[in-house]
């Protein structure tokens, strides 16, 4: 199957790669991306970091969910430049940016529900001891929104009963949803292992 475009989103590659390297569940089955250096991440406060990084800085009270394409001349990391040469005509490199920038694009097409759930995740990351999950799962309609809710429910209420199924929640054609569902399953696995169940 031909590749029509190659999109590099450094935060997704970095944080999912770091997660996969530490995972214990299915470790040899999930290939991890070429690892970028943390210094290659522009401002390093995207919603992708918020999704996968349990060590979100306490002074990062907002996140970016918009992105802009960085031209080749804007110093892509060397590893990305080298690998992008394979698809030189279609390769693109996207960095997180403030939504007020004129060139900002919502490349993940996050809607109000997903943004509201990422906001809830931010509240949890900033203060997990006092966070309370007050959203009803039954009102959620998006897969990513549901996955974030399930993660928060596991962390806050130690409840994974809704996840106890063999039916995937993520859409088969959404890379981000599938990555986050893997992350969620690993968290459930770790929780159950710690409980000795």
N, C-alpha and C. Protein backbone atom coordinates (compact mmCIF):
# COMPACT_ATOMS: atom_id res chain seq x y z
N UNK A 1 0.85 -1.18 0.00
CA UNK A 1 0.00 0.00 0.00
C UNK A 1 0.90 1.24 0.00
N UNK A 2 0.71 2.16 -0.93
CA UNK A 2 1.57 3.34 -0.99
C UNK A 2 1.27 4.31 0.14
N UNK A 3 2.29 5.02 0.54
CA UNK A 3 2.15 6.05 1.57
C UNK A 3 1.92 7.38 0.87
N UNK A 4 0.80 8.04 1.17
CA UNK A 4 0.48 9.29 0.51
C UNK A 4 0.94 10.50 1.29
N UNK A 5 1.13 10.34 2.59
CA UNK A 5 1.67 11.44 3.40
C UNK A 5 2.32 10.86 4.65
N UNK A 6 3.30 11.56 5.12
CA UNK A 6 4.01 11.16 6.33
C UNK A 6 4.00 12.34 7.28
N UNK A 7 3.29 12.18 8.38
CA UNK A 7 3.15 13.27 9.34
C UNK A 7 3.90 12.89 10.61
N UNK A 8 4.77 13.78 11.06
CA UNK A 8 5.50 13.57 12.31
C UNK A 8 4.97 14.56 13.33
N UNK A 9 4.52 14.02 14.45
CA UNK A 9 4.08 14.86 15.57
C UNK A 9 4.97 14.47 16.74
N UNK A 10 5.99 15.29 17.04
CA UNK A 10 7.03 14.87 17.98
C UNK A 10 6.54 14.47 19.36
N UNK A 11 5.54 15.16 19.91
CA UNK A 11 5.05 14.81 21.25
C UNK A 11 4.43 13.42 21.27
N UNK A 12 3.70 13.08 20.22
CA UNK A 12 3.08 11.76 20.16
C UNK A 12 4.16 10.69 20.06
N UNK A 13 5.13 10.93 19.22
CA UNK A 13 6.22 9.97 19.05
C UNK A 13 7.02 9.83 20.34
N UNK A 14 7.32 10.94 20.99
CA UNK A 14 8.15 10.91 22.20
C UNK A 14 7.41 10.27 23.38
N UNK A 15 6.22 10.77 23.71
CA UNK A 15 5.55 10.31 24.92
C UNK A 15 4.98 8.90 24.78
N UNK A 16 4.47 8.55 23.61
CA UNK A 16 4.02 7.17 23.45
C UNK A 16 5.23 6.23 23.44
N UNK A 17 6.31 6.66 22.82
CA UNK A 17 7.53 5.85 22.84
C UNK A 17 8.05 5.63 24.24
N UNK A 18 8.05 6.67 25.07
CA UNK A 18 8.50 6.53 26.46
C UNK A 18 7.58 5.57 27.22
N UNK A 19 6.28 5.66 26.99
CA UNK A 19 5.33 4.75 27.63
C UNK A 19 5.61 3.30 27.22
N UNK A 20 5.75 3.05 25.93
CA UNK A 20 5.96 1.69 25.44
C UNK A 20 7.25 1.10 26.00
N UNK A 21 8.26 1.91 26.12
CA UNK A 21 9.53 1.41 26.67
C UNK A 21 9.39 0.95 28.11
N UNK A 22 8.46 1.56 28.87
CA UNK A 22 8.28 1.21 30.28
C UNK A 22 7.19 0.16 30.51
N UNK A 23 6.40 -0.14 29.50
CA UNK A 23 5.26 -1.02 29.68
C UNK A 23 5.68 -2.45 30.01
N UNK A 24 4.86 -3.13 30.77
CA UNK A 24 5.12 -4.53 31.08
C UNK A 24 4.15 -5.44 30.33
N UNK A 25 2.99 -4.94 30.02
CA UNK A 25 1.97 -5.71 29.32
C UNK A 25 2.27 -5.72 27.82
N UNK A 26 2.42 -6.90 27.25
CA UNK A 26 2.58 -7.02 25.80
C UNK A 26 3.79 -6.27 25.26
N UNK A 27 4.84 -6.20 26.05
CA UNK A 27 6.00 -5.38 25.72
C UNK A 27 6.60 -5.68 24.35
N UNK A 28 6.68 -6.93 23.98
CA UNK A 28 7.35 -7.27 22.73
C UNK A 28 6.44 -7.18 21.50
N UNK A 29 5.19 -6.88 21.69
CA UNK A 29 4.26 -6.83 20.57
C UNK A 29 4.00 -5.41 20.06
N UNK A 30 4.28 -4.39 20.85
CA UNK A 30 4.00 -3.02 20.45
C UNK A 30 5.31 -2.38 20.01
N UNK A 31 5.50 -2.17 18.72
CA UNK A 31 6.74 -1.51 18.30
C UNK A 31 6.71 -0.04 18.71
N UNK A 32 7.84 0.47 19.16
CA UNK A 32 7.84 1.87 19.54
C UNK A 32 8.54 2.70 18.48
N UNK A 33 8.14 3.96 18.38
CA UNK A 33 8.69 4.81 17.33
C UNK A 33 10.14 5.18 17.61
N UNK A 34 10.80 5.67 16.58
CA UNK A 34 12.15 6.19 16.76
C UNK A 34 12.08 7.28 17.82
N UNK A 35 12.98 7.18 18.79
CA UNK A 35 12.89 8.08 19.92
C UNK A 35 13.55 9.43 19.63
N UNK A 36 12.78 10.47 19.81
CA UNK A 36 13.31 11.83 19.73
C UNK A 36 13.86 12.20 21.09
N UNK A 37 14.62 13.27 21.13
CA UNK A 37 15.09 13.80 22.41
C UNK A 37 14.05 14.76 22.95
N UNK A 38 13.97 14.86 24.25
CA UNK A 38 13.00 15.78 24.86
C UNK A 38 13.26 17.21 24.40
N UNK A 39 14.51 17.54 24.13
CA UNK A 39 14.85 18.89 23.66
C UNK A 39 14.23 19.20 22.31
N UNK A 40 13.82 18.17 21.58
CA UNK A 40 13.20 18.36 20.27
C UNK A 40 11.74 18.76 20.36
N UNK A 41 11.19 18.77 21.54
CA UNK A 41 9.77 19.08 21.71
C UNK A 41 9.60 20.58 21.93
N UNK A 42 8.86 21.21 21.07
CA UNK A 42 8.65 22.65 21.14
C UNK A 42 7.70 22.98 22.28
N UNK A 43 8.16 23.70 23.25
CA UNK A 43 7.42 24.12 24.46
C UNK A 43 6.95 22.96 25.33
N UNK A 44 6.74 21.80 24.79
CA UNK A 44 6.47 20.58 25.54
C UNK A 44 5.26 20.69 26.47
N UNK A 45 4.17 21.25 25.97
CA UNK A 45 2.94 21.31 26.77
C UNK A 45 1.71 21.01 25.92
N UNK A 46 1.85 20.05 25.03
CA UNK A 46 0.70 19.68 24.19
C UNK A 46 -0.24 18.75 24.96
N UNK A 47 -1.45 18.64 24.47
CA UNK A 47 -2.42 17.74 25.10
C UNK A 47 -1.93 16.29 25.00
N UNK A 48 -1.06 16.00 24.05
CA UNK A 48 -0.52 14.64 23.92
C UNK A 48 0.35 14.30 25.12
N UNK A 49 1.14 15.25 25.55
CA UNK A 49 1.93 15.02 26.77
C UNK A 49 0.98 14.81 27.94
N UNK A 50 -0.05 15.61 28.01
CA UNK A 50 -1.03 15.48 29.10
C UNK A 50 -1.66 14.09 29.12
N UNK A 51 -1.92 13.52 27.95
CA UNK A 51 -2.51 12.20 27.87
C UNK A 51 -1.58 11.11 28.40
N UNK A 52 -0.29 11.17 28.05
CA UNK A 52 0.61 10.05 28.30
C UNK A 52 1.64 10.27 29.40
N UNK A 53 1.79 11.48 29.90
CA UNK A 53 2.85 11.76 30.88
C UNK A 53 2.26 11.92 32.28
N UNK A 54 2.54 10.97 33.14
CA UNK A 54 2.03 11.01 34.51
C UNK A 54 2.74 12.07 35.35
N UNK A 55 3.78 12.65 34.80
CA UNK A 55 4.56 13.66 35.54
C UNK A 55 4.38 15.05 34.93
N UNK A 56 3.16 15.37 34.59
CA UNK A 56 2.82 16.70 34.06
C UNK A 56 3.24 17.75 35.09
N UNK A 57 4.00 18.78 34.69
CA UNK A 57 4.47 19.78 35.66
C UNK A 57 3.31 20.54 36.33
N UNK A 58 3.42 20.74 37.62
CA UNK A 58 2.36 21.40 38.39
C UNK A 58 2.15 22.85 37.98
N UNK A 59 3.15 23.48 37.36
CA UNK A 59 2.99 24.87 36.96
C UNK A 59 2.50 25.02 35.51
N UNK A 60 2.22 23.92 34.83
CA UNK A 60 1.66 23.96 33.48
C UNK A 60 0.13 23.92 33.60
N UNK A 61 -0.47 25.08 33.75
CA UNK A 61 -1.91 25.14 33.98
C UNK A 61 -2.73 25.23 32.70
N UNK A 62 -2.07 25.18 31.57
CA UNK A 62 -2.79 25.08 30.30
C UNK A 62 -1.97 24.21 29.35
N UNK A 63 -2.63 23.79 28.28
CA UNK A 63 -1.99 22.91 27.30
C UNK A 63 -2.38 23.40 25.91
N UNK A 64 -1.67 22.89 24.91
CA UNK A 64 -1.97 23.22 23.51
C UNK A 64 -2.61 22.01 22.83
N UNK A 65 -3.64 22.26 22.06
CA UNK A 65 -4.17 21.18 21.24
C UNK A 65 -4.20 21.56 19.76
N UNK A 66 -3.75 22.76 19.46
CA UNK A 66 -3.59 23.17 18.07
C UNK A 66 -2.14 22.95 17.65
N UNK A 67 -1.95 22.82 16.34
CA UNK A 67 -0.62 22.55 15.79
C UNK A 67 -0.38 23.42 14.57
N UNK A 68 0.90 23.60 14.26
CA UNK A 68 1.23 24.23 12.98
C UNK A 68 2.37 23.45 12.34
N UNK A 69 2.36 23.49 11.03
CA UNK A 69 3.38 22.75 10.28
C UNK A 69 4.66 23.57 10.28
N UNK A 70 5.73 22.92 10.63
CA UNK A 70 7.03 23.58 10.63
C UNK A 70 7.75 23.20 9.34
N UNK A 71 8.16 24.20 8.60
CA UNK A 71 8.84 23.97 7.33
C UNK A 71 10.19 23.31 7.56
N UNK A 72 10.66 22.60 6.53
CA UNK A 72 11.95 21.90 6.62
C UNK A 72 13.08 22.83 7.05
N UNK A 73 13.03 24.04 6.59
CA UNK A 73 14.12 24.98 6.90
C UNK A 73 14.13 25.40 8.37
N UNK A 74 13.11 25.02 9.12
CA UNK A 74 13.02 25.43 10.52
C UNK A 74 13.65 24.40 11.46
N UNK A 75 14.69 23.76 11.02
CA UNK A 75 15.49 22.87 11.87
C UNK A 75 14.72 21.70 12.46
N UNK A 76 14.23 20.82 11.63
CA UNK A 76 13.69 19.58 12.13
C UNK A 76 14.81 18.83 12.83
N UNK A 77 14.50 18.03 13.83
CA UNK A 77 15.56 17.20 14.43
C UNK A 77 16.22 16.33 13.36
N UNK A 78 17.49 16.07 13.52
CA UNK A 78 18.27 15.34 12.51
C UNK A 78 17.65 13.97 12.19
N UNK A 79 17.20 13.25 13.22
CA UNK A 79 16.62 11.92 12.98
C UNK A 79 15.36 12.03 12.13
N UNK A 80 14.57 13.08 12.32
CA UNK A 80 13.36 13.27 11.54
C UNK A 80 13.72 13.64 10.10
N UNK A 81 14.70 14.52 9.92
CA UNK A 81 15.13 14.90 8.57
C UNK A 81 15.60 13.68 7.80
N UNK A 82 16.39 12.85 8.44
CA UNK A 82 16.93 11.65 7.78
C UNK A 82 15.81 10.72 7.36
N UNK A 83 14.90 10.44 8.27
CA UNK A 83 13.81 9.51 7.96
C UNK A 83 12.80 10.12 6.98
N UNK A 84 12.62 11.44 7.04
CA UNK A 84 11.67 12.10 6.14
C UNK A 84 12.17 12.09 4.69
N UNK A 85 13.45 11.92 4.49
CA UNK A 85 13.99 11.87 3.13
C UNK A 85 13.41 10.70 2.33
N UNK A 86 12.94 9.68 3.01
CA UNK A 86 12.31 8.54 2.34
C UNK A 86 11.03 8.99 1.64
N UNK A 87 10.31 9.90 2.26
CA UNK A 87 9.06 10.43 1.71
C UNK A 87 9.19 11.95 1.55
N UNK A 88 10.23 12.36 0.88
CA UNK A 88 10.59 13.78 0.84
C UNK A 88 9.46 14.70 0.35
N UNK A 89 8.65 14.24 -0.58
CA UNK A 89 7.60 15.11 -1.11
C UNK A 89 6.39 15.22 -0.21
N UNK A 90 6.20 14.25 0.68
CA UNK A 90 4.97 14.24 1.49
C UNK A 90 5.21 14.41 2.98
N UNK A 91 6.45 14.43 3.41
CA UNK A 91 6.73 14.50 4.85
C UNK A 91 6.37 15.88 5.41
N UNK A 92 5.78 15.86 6.60
CA UNK A 92 5.48 17.12 7.29
C UNK A 92 5.73 16.94 8.78
N UNK A 93 6.07 18.03 9.42
CA UNK A 93 6.45 18.03 10.83
C UNK A 93 5.58 19.08 11.53
N UNK A 94 4.83 18.65 12.56
CA UNK A 94 3.85 19.51 13.20
C UNK A 94 4.20 19.71 14.67
N UNK A 95 4.16 20.97 15.11
CA UNK A 95 4.44 21.27 16.51
C UNK A 95 3.23 21.94 17.15
N UNK A 96 3.07 21.68 18.43
CA UNK A 96 1.94 22.26 19.18
C UNK A 96 2.10 23.77 19.28
N UNK A 97 0.97 24.45 19.26
CA UNK A 97 1.01 25.91 19.37
C UNK A 97 -0.27 26.41 20.02
N UNK A 98 -0.25 27.66 20.40
CA UNK A 98 -1.40 28.32 21.00
C UNK A 98 -2.52 28.43 19.97
N UNK A 99 -3.74 28.26 20.42
CA UNK A 99 -4.89 28.30 19.51
C UNK A 99 -5.12 29.68 18.90
N UNK A 100 -4.53 30.71 19.48
CA UNK A 100 -4.73 32.06 18.95
C UNK A 100 -3.81 32.38 17.78
N UNK A 101 -2.84 31.53 17.51
CA UNK A 101 -1.93 31.77 16.39
C UNK A 101 -2.69 31.67 15.08
N UNK A 102 -2.38 32.53 14.14
CA UNK A 102 -3.11 32.55 12.87
C UNK A 102 -2.91 31.28 12.06
N UNK A 103 -1.84 30.57 12.30
CA UNK A 103 -1.53 29.35 11.53
C UNK A 103 -1.91 28.09 12.29
N UNK A 104 -2.61 28.21 13.40
CA UNK A 104 -2.97 27.07 14.24
C UNK A 104 -4.06 26.22 13.61
N UNK A 105 -3.86 24.90 13.63
CA UNK A 105 -4.83 23.96 13.06
C UNK A 105 -5.10 22.86 14.09
N UNK A 106 -6.35 22.50 14.21
CA UNK A 106 -6.78 21.42 15.10
C UNK A 106 -6.63 20.11 14.32
N UNK A 107 -5.40 19.62 14.16
CA UNK A 107 -5.16 18.48 13.27
C UNK A 107 -5.76 17.18 13.80
N UNK A 108 -6.03 17.09 15.08
CA UNK A 108 -6.67 15.90 15.63
C UNK A 108 -8.19 16.02 15.63
N UNK A 109 -8.69 17.14 15.15
CA UNK A 109 -10.14 17.39 15.08
C UNK A 109 -10.82 17.16 16.42
N UNK A 110 -10.20 17.66 17.48
CA UNK A 110 -10.81 17.53 18.80
C UNK A 110 -12.05 18.40 18.87
N UNK A 111 -13.14 17.81 19.33
CA UNK A 111 -14.38 18.55 19.50
C UNK A 111 -14.53 19.00 20.95
N UNK A 112 -15.65 19.61 21.24
CA UNK A 112 -15.87 20.17 22.58
C UNK A 112 -15.84 19.09 23.66
N UNK A 113 -16.36 17.91 23.35
CA UNK A 113 -16.35 16.84 24.35
C UNK A 113 -14.93 16.39 24.67
N UNK A 114 -14.13 16.15 23.64
CA UNK A 114 -12.75 15.71 23.89
C UNK A 114 -11.97 16.78 24.65
N UNK A 115 -12.17 18.04 24.27
CA UNK A 115 -11.46 19.12 24.96
C UNK A 115 -11.91 19.21 26.41
N UNK A 116 -13.21 19.04 26.66
CA UNK A 116 -13.72 19.06 28.04
C UNK A 116 -13.09 17.92 28.86
N UNK A 117 -12.92 16.76 28.24
CA UNK A 117 -12.32 15.63 28.97
C UNK A 117 -10.82 15.84 29.16
N UNK A 118 -10.15 16.44 28.19
CA UNK A 118 -8.73 16.77 28.38
C UNK A 118 -8.60 17.81 29.49
N UNK A 119 -9.55 18.74 29.57
CA UNK A 119 -9.56 19.71 30.68
C UNK A 119 -9.69 18.98 32.02
N UNK A 120 -10.54 17.96 32.07
CA UNK A 120 -10.69 17.18 33.30
C UNK A 120 -9.38 16.46 33.64
N UNK A 121 -8.73 15.94 32.62
CA UNK A 121 -7.44 15.27 32.83
C UNK A 121 -6.41 16.25 33.37
N UNK A 122 -6.42 17.47 32.86
CA UNK A 122 -5.50 18.50 33.37
C UNK A 122 -5.77 18.76 34.85
N UNK A 123 -7.04 18.89 35.23
CA UNK A 123 -7.37 19.11 36.64
C UNK A 123 -6.86 17.95 37.50
N UNK A 124 -7.02 16.75 37.00
CA UNK A 124 -6.51 15.58 37.73
C UNK A 124 -4.99 15.62 37.84
N UNK A 125 -4.30 15.89 36.74
CA UNK A 125 -2.83 15.92 36.75
C UNK A 125 -2.30 17.00 37.70
N UNK A 126 -2.99 18.14 37.76
CA UNK A 126 -2.54 19.23 38.61
C UNK A 126 -2.74 18.94 40.09
N UNK A 127 -3.82 18.22 40.42
CA UNK A 127 -4.08 17.93 41.83
C UNK A 127 -4.85 16.62 41.98
N UNK A 128 -4.16 15.49 41.84
CA UNK A 128 -4.85 14.20 41.90
C UNK A 128 -5.50 13.90 43.24
N UNK A 129 -5.00 14.48 44.31
CA UNK A 129 -5.53 14.18 45.65
C UNK A 129 -6.92 14.76 45.88
N UNK A 130 -7.23 15.87 45.22
CA UNK A 130 -8.53 16.52 45.45
C UNK A 130 -9.47 16.42 44.26
N UNK A 131 -9.00 15.86 43.15
CA UNK A 131 -9.84 15.79 41.95
C UNK A 131 -11.02 14.84 42.16
N UNK A 132 -12.17 15.25 41.65
CA UNK A 132 -13.37 14.41 41.70
C UNK A 132 -13.96 14.32 40.30
N UNK A 133 -14.23 13.12 39.84
CA UNK A 133 -14.81 12.90 38.52
C UNK A 133 -16.31 13.11 38.60
N UNK A 134 -16.77 14.20 38.01
CA UNK A 134 -18.19 14.56 38.15
C UNK A 134 -18.97 14.43 36.84
N UNK A 135 -18.36 13.89 35.81
CA UNK A 135 -19.02 13.72 34.52
C UNK A 135 -19.58 12.31 34.42
N UNK A 136 -20.79 12.19 33.90
CA UNK A 136 -21.44 10.89 33.75
C UNK A 136 -20.97 10.24 32.44
N UNK A 137 -20.49 9.02 32.52
CA UNK A 137 -19.98 8.30 31.36
C UNK A 137 -21.04 8.18 30.26
N UNK A 138 -22.29 8.01 30.64
CA UNK A 138 -23.36 7.77 29.66
C UNK A 138 -23.61 8.95 28.73
N UNK A 139 -23.16 10.14 29.09
CA UNK A 139 -23.38 11.31 28.22
C UNK A 139 -22.28 11.46 27.17
N UNK A 140 -21.20 10.70 27.30
CA UNK A 140 -20.08 10.83 26.37
C UNK A 140 -20.37 10.11 25.07
N UNK A 141 -19.98 10.72 23.97
CA UNK A 141 -20.26 10.15 22.65
C UNK A 141 -19.01 9.87 21.83
N UNK A 142 -17.88 10.43 22.21
CA UNK A 142 -16.65 10.24 21.43
C UNK A 142 -15.76 9.19 22.08
N UNK A 143 -15.03 8.48 21.27
CA UNK A 143 -14.16 7.43 21.79
C UNK A 143 -13.06 7.99 22.70
N UNK A 144 -12.42 9.07 22.26
CA UNK A 144 -11.35 9.63 23.08
C UNK A 144 -11.90 10.16 24.40
N UNK A 145 -13.07 10.81 24.35
CA UNK A 145 -13.70 11.28 25.58
C UNK A 145 -13.97 10.13 26.55
N UNK A 146 -14.47 9.02 26.02
CA UNK A 146 -14.74 7.84 26.86
C UNK A 146 -13.45 7.25 27.42
N UNK A 147 -12.42 7.18 26.60
CA UNK A 147 -11.14 6.61 27.07
C UNK A 147 -10.54 7.45 28.20
N UNK A 148 -10.60 8.76 28.07
CA UNK A 148 -10.09 9.63 29.13
C UNK A 148 -10.91 9.45 30.40
N UNK A 149 -12.24 9.39 30.25
CA UNK A 149 -13.10 9.16 31.42
C UNK A 149 -12.74 7.85 32.10
N UNK A 150 -12.54 6.80 31.33
CA UNK A 150 -12.20 5.49 31.91
C UNK A 150 -10.86 5.54 32.64
N UNK A 151 -9.91 6.27 32.10
CA UNK A 151 -8.63 6.44 32.77
C UNK A 151 -8.82 7.17 34.11
N UNK A 152 -9.58 8.27 34.07
CA UNK A 152 -9.82 9.03 35.30
C UNK A 152 -10.60 8.19 36.32
N UNK A 153 -11.57 7.43 35.88
CA UNK A 153 -12.34 6.58 36.77
C UNK A 153 -11.45 5.54 37.43
N UNK A 154 -10.53 4.99 36.69
CA UNK A 154 -9.57 4.03 37.24
C UNK A 154 -8.70 4.70 38.30
N UNK A 155 -8.17 5.87 37.97
CA UNK A 155 -7.25 6.55 38.89
C UNK A 155 -7.95 7.09 40.13
N UNK A 156 -9.13 7.65 39.95
CA UNK A 156 -9.82 8.31 41.06
C UNK A 156 -10.66 7.32 41.88
N UNK A 157 -11.40 6.46 41.20
CA UNK A 157 -12.34 5.57 41.88
C UNK A 157 -11.88 4.11 41.94
N UNK A 158 -10.71 3.85 41.38
CA UNK A 158 -10.16 2.49 41.32
C UNK A 158 -11.17 1.51 40.72
N UNK A 159 -11.86 1.98 39.69
CA UNK A 159 -12.91 1.19 39.04
C UNK A 159 -12.56 1.00 37.57
N UNK A 160 -12.49 -0.25 37.16
CA UNK A 160 -12.22 -0.56 35.76
C UNK A 160 -13.30 -1.51 35.19
N UNK A 161 -14.42 -1.57 35.84
CA UNK A 161 -15.46 -2.55 35.44
C UNK A 161 -15.97 -2.32 34.02
N UNK A 162 -16.05 -1.09 33.57
CA UNK A 162 -16.54 -0.82 32.21
C UNK A 162 -15.51 -1.28 31.17
N UNK A 163 -14.25 -1.32 31.56
CA UNK A 163 -13.19 -1.70 30.63
C UNK A 163 -13.08 -3.22 30.52
N UNK A 164 -13.71 -3.94 31.41
CA UNK A 164 -13.59 -5.40 31.46
C UNK A 164 -14.38 -6.03 30.31
N UNK A 165 -13.84 -5.88 29.10
CA UNK A 165 -14.49 -6.37 27.90
C UNK A 165 -13.44 -6.65 26.83
N UNK A 166 -13.77 -7.44 25.87
CA UNK A 166 -12.85 -7.70 24.77
C UNK A 166 -13.15 -6.81 23.56
N UNK A 167 -14.16 -5.97 23.68
CA UNK A 167 -14.53 -5.07 22.60
C UNK A 167 -13.73 -3.78 22.69
N UNK A 168 -12.93 -3.46 21.68
CA UNK A 168 -12.16 -2.21 21.72
C UNK A 168 -13.08 -0.99 21.71
N UNK A 169 -12.63 0.06 22.35
CA UNK A 169 -13.36 1.32 22.35
C UNK A 169 -12.87 2.19 21.20
N UNK A 170 -11.57 2.16 20.96
CA UNK A 170 -10.95 2.98 19.92
C UNK A 170 -11.41 2.55 18.53
N UNK A 171 -11.54 3.52 17.66
CA UNK A 171 -11.84 3.25 16.26
C UNK A 171 -10.59 2.66 15.61
N UNK A 172 -10.75 1.68 14.78
CA UNK A 172 -9.60 1.01 14.16
C UNK A 172 -8.79 1.95 13.27
N UNK A 173 -9.38 3.05 12.82
CA UNK A 173 -8.64 3.96 11.95
C UNK A 173 -8.13 5.22 12.68
N UNK A 174 -8.15 5.21 14.00
CA UNK A 174 -7.63 6.35 14.76
C UNK A 174 -6.38 5.94 15.54
N UNK A 175 -5.24 6.39 15.07
CA UNK A 175 -3.97 6.07 15.73
C UNK A 175 -3.97 6.57 17.17
N UNK A 176 -4.39 7.81 17.38
CA UNK A 176 -4.38 8.37 18.73
C UNK A 176 -5.28 7.57 19.68
N UNK A 177 -6.48 7.25 19.26
CA UNK A 177 -7.39 6.48 20.11
C UNK A 177 -6.79 5.12 20.46
N UNK A 178 -6.20 4.46 19.48
CA UNK A 178 -5.61 3.15 19.74
C UNK A 178 -4.43 3.24 20.69
N UNK A 179 -3.61 4.26 20.52
CA UNK A 179 -2.48 4.46 21.43
C UNK A 179 -2.98 4.70 22.86
N UNK A 180 -4.03 5.51 22.98
CA UNK A 180 -4.53 5.82 24.33
C UNK A 180 -5.23 4.62 24.95
N UNK A 181 -5.88 3.80 24.14
CA UNK A 181 -6.50 2.60 24.70
C UNK A 181 -5.43 1.63 25.19
N UNK A 182 -4.32 1.53 24.48
CA UNK A 182 -3.20 0.70 24.94
C UNK A 182 -2.68 1.23 26.28
N UNK A 183 -2.56 2.54 26.37
CA UNK A 183 -2.12 3.18 27.61
C UNK A 183 -3.09 2.88 28.76
N UNK A 184 -4.38 2.98 28.47
CA UNK A 184 -5.40 2.69 29.48
C UNK A 184 -5.32 1.24 29.93
N UNK A 185 -5.20 0.31 29.01
CA UNK A 185 -5.13 -1.12 29.35
C UNK A 185 -3.90 -1.40 30.20
N UNK A 186 -2.78 -0.78 29.87
CA UNK A 186 -1.57 -0.95 30.68
C UNK A 186 -1.80 -0.45 32.11
N UNK A 187 -2.50 0.66 32.25
CA UNK A 187 -2.81 1.19 33.58
C UNK A 187 -3.71 0.25 34.36
N UNK A 188 -4.69 -0.35 33.69
CA UNK A 188 -5.56 -1.33 34.35
C UNK A 188 -4.74 -2.53 34.78
N UNK A 189 -3.90 -3.03 33.89
CA UNK A 189 -3.05 -4.17 34.19
C UNK A 189 -2.17 -3.90 35.42
N UNK A 190 -1.55 -2.72 35.44
CA UNK A 190 -0.69 -2.36 36.58
C UNK A 190 -1.48 -2.26 37.87
N UNK A 191 -2.68 -1.68 37.78
CA UNK A 191 -3.53 -1.55 38.97
C UNK A 191 -3.91 -2.92 39.51
N UNK A 192 -4.35 -3.82 38.64
CA UNK A 192 -4.75 -5.15 39.07
C UNK A 192 -3.56 -5.91 39.64
N UNK A 193 -2.41 -5.76 39.02
CA UNK A 193 -1.20 -6.41 39.51
C UNK A 193 -0.83 -5.91 40.91
N UNK A 194 -0.93 -4.61 41.15
CA UNK A 194 -0.63 -4.04 42.45
C UNK A 194 -1.62 -4.51 43.52
N UNK A 195 -2.86 -4.74 43.11
CA UNK A 195 -3.88 -5.19 44.06
C UNK A 195 -3.78 -6.68 44.35
N UNK A 196 -2.97 -7.39 43.57
CA UNK A 196 -2.82 -8.82 43.75
C UNK A 196 -4.03 -9.62 43.32
N UNK A 197 -4.78 -9.08 42.35
CA UNK A 197 -6.01 -9.75 41.92
C UNK A 197 -5.72 -10.75 40.82
